[in-house]
Every structure is written in C-alpha cells, then in structure tokens.
C-alpha cells in the first residue's frame, strides 16, 4: 500500500510504509495521509514501530 506524503520542500509523493518510517526518522516529511485524514508531523499523535527505550515483550506481534 502506498502512503501519500508531503515532503519538507512542499512536494507530494507516494511511498511505501517502510519508506515513510525512514523519512520520519530523518525528518523529511511534513505530513502524511491516513484513512482518517492528514497527519501533521510534530502536532498529531503518531505510532512508532519500535521504541528503542522499551525493553519489554512486544505484545502486538503475538
């Protein structure tokens, strides 16, 4: 599935989920679109795939 993104240079694109994760890590995306609407990075709540500070069991993968 492709995700609609707005880059920091105000250009739009479609990327795969793993690409969006990387773009968010390097802070190259202003917004991306979910089924519920646009998410503004740094303003709207986002889920992260992995929290490097969390050392417990990953329950969602079970």
N, C-alpha and C. Protein backbone atom coordinates (compact mmCIF):
# COMPACT_ATOMS: atom_id res chain seq x y z
N UNK A 1 0.84 -1.18 0.00
CA UNK A 1 0.00 0.00 0.00
C UNK A 1 0.89 1.25 0.00
N UNK A 2 0.53 2.21 -0.80
CA UNK A 2 1.29 3.45 -0.88
C UNK A 2 0.62 4.52 -0.01
N UNK A 3 1.46 5.36 0.58
CA UNK A 3 1.00 6.40 1.50
C UNK A 3 1.35 7.75 0.89
N UNK A 4 0.38 8.64 0.86
CA UNK A 4 0.56 9.98 0.32
C UNK A 4 1.31 10.82 1.36
N UNK A 5 2.41 11.47 0.93
CA UNK A 5 3.21 12.28 1.84
C UNK A 5 3.44 13.67 1.26
N UNK A 6 3.67 14.61 2.16
CA UNK A 6 4.10 15.96 1.80
C UNK A 6 5.48 16.15 2.41
N UNK A 7 6.48 16.31 1.53
CA UNK A 7 7.85 16.50 1.99
C UNK A 7 8.07 17.91 2.54
N UNK A 8 9.21 18.11 3.18
CA UNK A 8 9.56 19.42 3.73
C UNK A 8 9.72 20.49 2.65
N UNK A 9 9.99 20.07 1.40
CA UNK A 9 10.14 21.03 0.31
C UNK A 9 8.81 21.30 -0.41
N UNK A 10 7.70 20.90 0.24
CA UNK A 10 6.34 21.12 -0.27
C UNK A 10 6.00 20.32 -1.53
N UNK A 11 6.71 19.24 -1.78
CA UNK A 11 6.40 18.35 -2.90
C UNK A 11 5.65 17.13 -2.36
N UNK A 12 4.71 16.64 -3.15
CA UNK A 12 3.92 15.47 -2.78
C UNK A 12 4.47 14.23 -3.45
N UNK A 13 4.24 13.08 -2.80
CA UNK A 13 4.71 11.81 -3.34
C UNK A 13 3.91 10.69 -2.70
N UNK A 14 4.08 9.49 -3.22
CA UNK A 14 3.53 8.28 -2.62
C UNK A 14 4.70 7.38 -2.27
N UNK A 15 4.72 6.86 -1.04
CA UNK A 15 5.81 5.99 -0.58
C UNK A 15 5.24 4.76 0.10
N UNK A 16 6.07 3.74 0.22
CA UNK A 16 5.69 2.53 0.95
C UNK A 16 5.86 2.78 2.45
N UNK A 17 5.24 1.94 3.26
CA UNK A 17 5.27 2.12 4.71
C UNK A 17 6.67 2.17 5.29
N UNK A 18 7.55 1.26 4.85
CA UNK A 18 8.91 1.26 5.39
C UNK A 18 9.67 2.52 4.98
N UNK A 19 9.34 3.07 3.80
CA UNK A 19 9.97 4.32 3.37
C UNK A 19 9.50 5.49 4.23
N UNK A 20 8.21 5.49 4.57
CA UNK A 20 7.68 6.54 5.43
C UNK A 20 8.36 6.50 6.79
N UNK A 21 8.55 5.31 7.33
CA UNK A 21 9.24 5.18 8.62
C UNK A 21 10.61 5.85 8.57
N UNK A 22 11.35 5.58 7.51
CA UNK A 22 12.70 6.14 7.37
C UNK A 22 12.63 7.66 7.18
N UNK A 23 11.70 8.13 6.36
CA UNK A 23 11.56 9.57 6.15
C UNK A 23 11.20 10.29 7.44
N UNK A 24 10.38 9.67 8.27
CA UNK A 24 10.04 10.26 9.56
C UNK A 24 11.26 10.29 10.48
N UNK A 25 12.07 9.24 10.44
CA UNK A 25 13.28 9.20 11.27
C UNK A 25 14.24 10.33 10.92
N UNK A 26 14.38 10.64 9.64
CA UNK A 26 15.31 11.68 9.20
C UNK A 26 14.63 13.04 9.03
N UNK A 27 13.38 13.11 9.46
CA UNK A 27 12.62 14.38 9.49
C UNK A 27 12.53 15.06 8.12
N UNK A 28 12.11 14.29 7.12
CA UNK A 28 11.97 14.81 5.76
C UNK A 28 10.51 14.99 5.35
N UNK A 29 9.57 14.68 6.24
CA UNK A 29 8.14 14.73 5.90
C UNK A 29 7.42 15.71 6.81
N UNK A 30 6.59 16.57 6.21
CA UNK A 30 5.74 17.49 6.98
C UNK A 30 4.44 16.80 7.38
N UNK A 31 3.84 16.09 6.41
CA UNK A 31 2.53 15.46 6.62
C UNK A 31 2.47 14.15 5.86
N UNK A 32 1.60 13.26 6.34
CA UNK A 32 1.27 12.06 5.58
C UNK A 32 -0.21 11.77 5.79
N UNK A 33 -0.79 11.03 4.85
CA UNK A 33 -2.23 10.83 4.87
C UNK A 33 -2.60 9.44 5.37
N UNK A 34 -3.46 9.42 6.37
CA UNK A 34 -4.08 8.19 6.88
C UNK A 34 -5.49 8.10 6.31
N UNK A 35 -6.15 7.00 6.57
CA UNK A 35 -7.54 6.86 6.11
C UNK A 35 -8.44 7.90 6.77
N UNK A 36 -8.03 8.40 7.94
CA UNK A 36 -8.83 9.39 8.67
C UNK A 36 -8.47 10.83 8.30
N UNK A 37 -7.45 11.02 7.46
CA UNK A 37 -7.06 12.36 7.06
C UNK A 37 -5.56 12.58 7.19
N UNK A 38 -5.16 13.82 6.97
CA UNK A 38 -3.74 14.17 7.01
C UNK A 38 -3.24 14.24 8.45
N UNK A 39 -2.01 13.75 8.66
CA UNK A 39 -1.33 13.81 9.95
C UNK A 39 -0.20 14.81 9.82
N UNK A 40 -0.15 15.78 10.71
CA UNK A 40 0.94 16.76 10.73
C UNK A 40 2.00 16.27 11.70
N UNK A 41 3.20 16.06 11.18
CA UNK A 41 4.30 15.55 11.99
C UNK A 41 4.66 16.58 13.06
N UNK A 42 4.78 16.12 14.29
CA UNK A 42 5.11 17.00 15.40
C UNK A 42 3.90 17.63 16.07
N UNK A 43 2.72 17.46 15.47
CA UNK A 43 1.49 18.03 16.03
C UNK A 43 0.52 16.91 16.39
N UNK A 44 0.23 16.06 15.42
CA UNK A 44 -0.73 14.98 15.62
C UNK A 44 -0.04 13.75 16.22
N UNK A 45 -0.79 12.95 16.99
CA UNK A 45 -0.19 11.74 17.58
C UNK A 45 0.16 10.72 16.49
N UNK A 46 1.30 10.07 16.68
CA UNK A 46 1.76 9.04 15.74
C UNK A 46 2.22 7.82 16.51
N UNK A 47 2.09 6.68 15.88
CA UNK A 47 2.61 5.44 16.45
C UNK A 47 3.96 5.17 15.83
N UNK A 48 4.85 4.62 16.62
CA UNK A 48 6.16 4.22 16.10
C UNK A 48 6.24 2.72 16.10
N UNK A 49 6.92 2.18 15.14
CA UNK A 49 7.06 0.73 15.04
C UNK A 49 7.82 0.16 16.22
N UNK A 50 8.90 0.80 16.61
CA UNK A 50 9.68 0.31 17.74
C UNK A 50 10.16 1.48 18.57
N UNK A 51 10.08 1.33 19.86
CA UNK A 51 10.58 2.33 20.78
C UNK A 51 11.92 1.83 21.30
N UNK A 52 13.03 2.49 20.98
CA UNK A 52 14.33 2.00 21.41
C UNK A 52 14.51 2.00 22.93
N UNK A 53 13.67 2.73 23.65
CA UNK A 53 13.77 2.78 25.11
C UNK A 53 12.96 1.69 25.80
N UNK A 54 12.15 0.96 25.02
CA UNK A 54 11.30 -0.09 25.58
C UNK A 54 12.00 -1.43 25.46
N UNK A 55 12.16 -2.12 26.59
CA UNK A 55 12.90 -3.38 26.60
C UNK A 55 12.03 -4.56 27.01
N UNK A 56 10.73 -4.40 26.99
CA UNK A 56 9.82 -5.47 27.37
C UNK A 56 9.39 -6.30 26.17
N UNK A 57 8.47 -7.19 26.41
CA UNK A 57 7.92 -8.07 25.39
C UNK A 57 7.06 -7.27 24.42
N UNK A 58 7.25 -7.49 23.13
CA UNK A 58 6.43 -6.85 22.11
C UNK A 58 5.14 -7.64 21.99
N UNK A 59 4.08 -7.17 22.64
CA UNK A 59 2.82 -7.91 22.70
C UNK A 59 2.02 -7.83 21.41
N UNK A 60 2.19 -6.76 20.64
CA UNK A 60 1.41 -6.61 19.41
C UNK A 60 1.80 -7.64 18.36
N UNK A 61 3.00 -8.14 18.42
CA UNK A 61 3.46 -9.11 17.42
C UNK A 61 2.94 -10.51 17.72
N UNK A 62 2.42 -10.74 18.91
CA UNK A 62 1.96 -12.08 19.30
C UNK A 62 0.61 -12.41 18.72
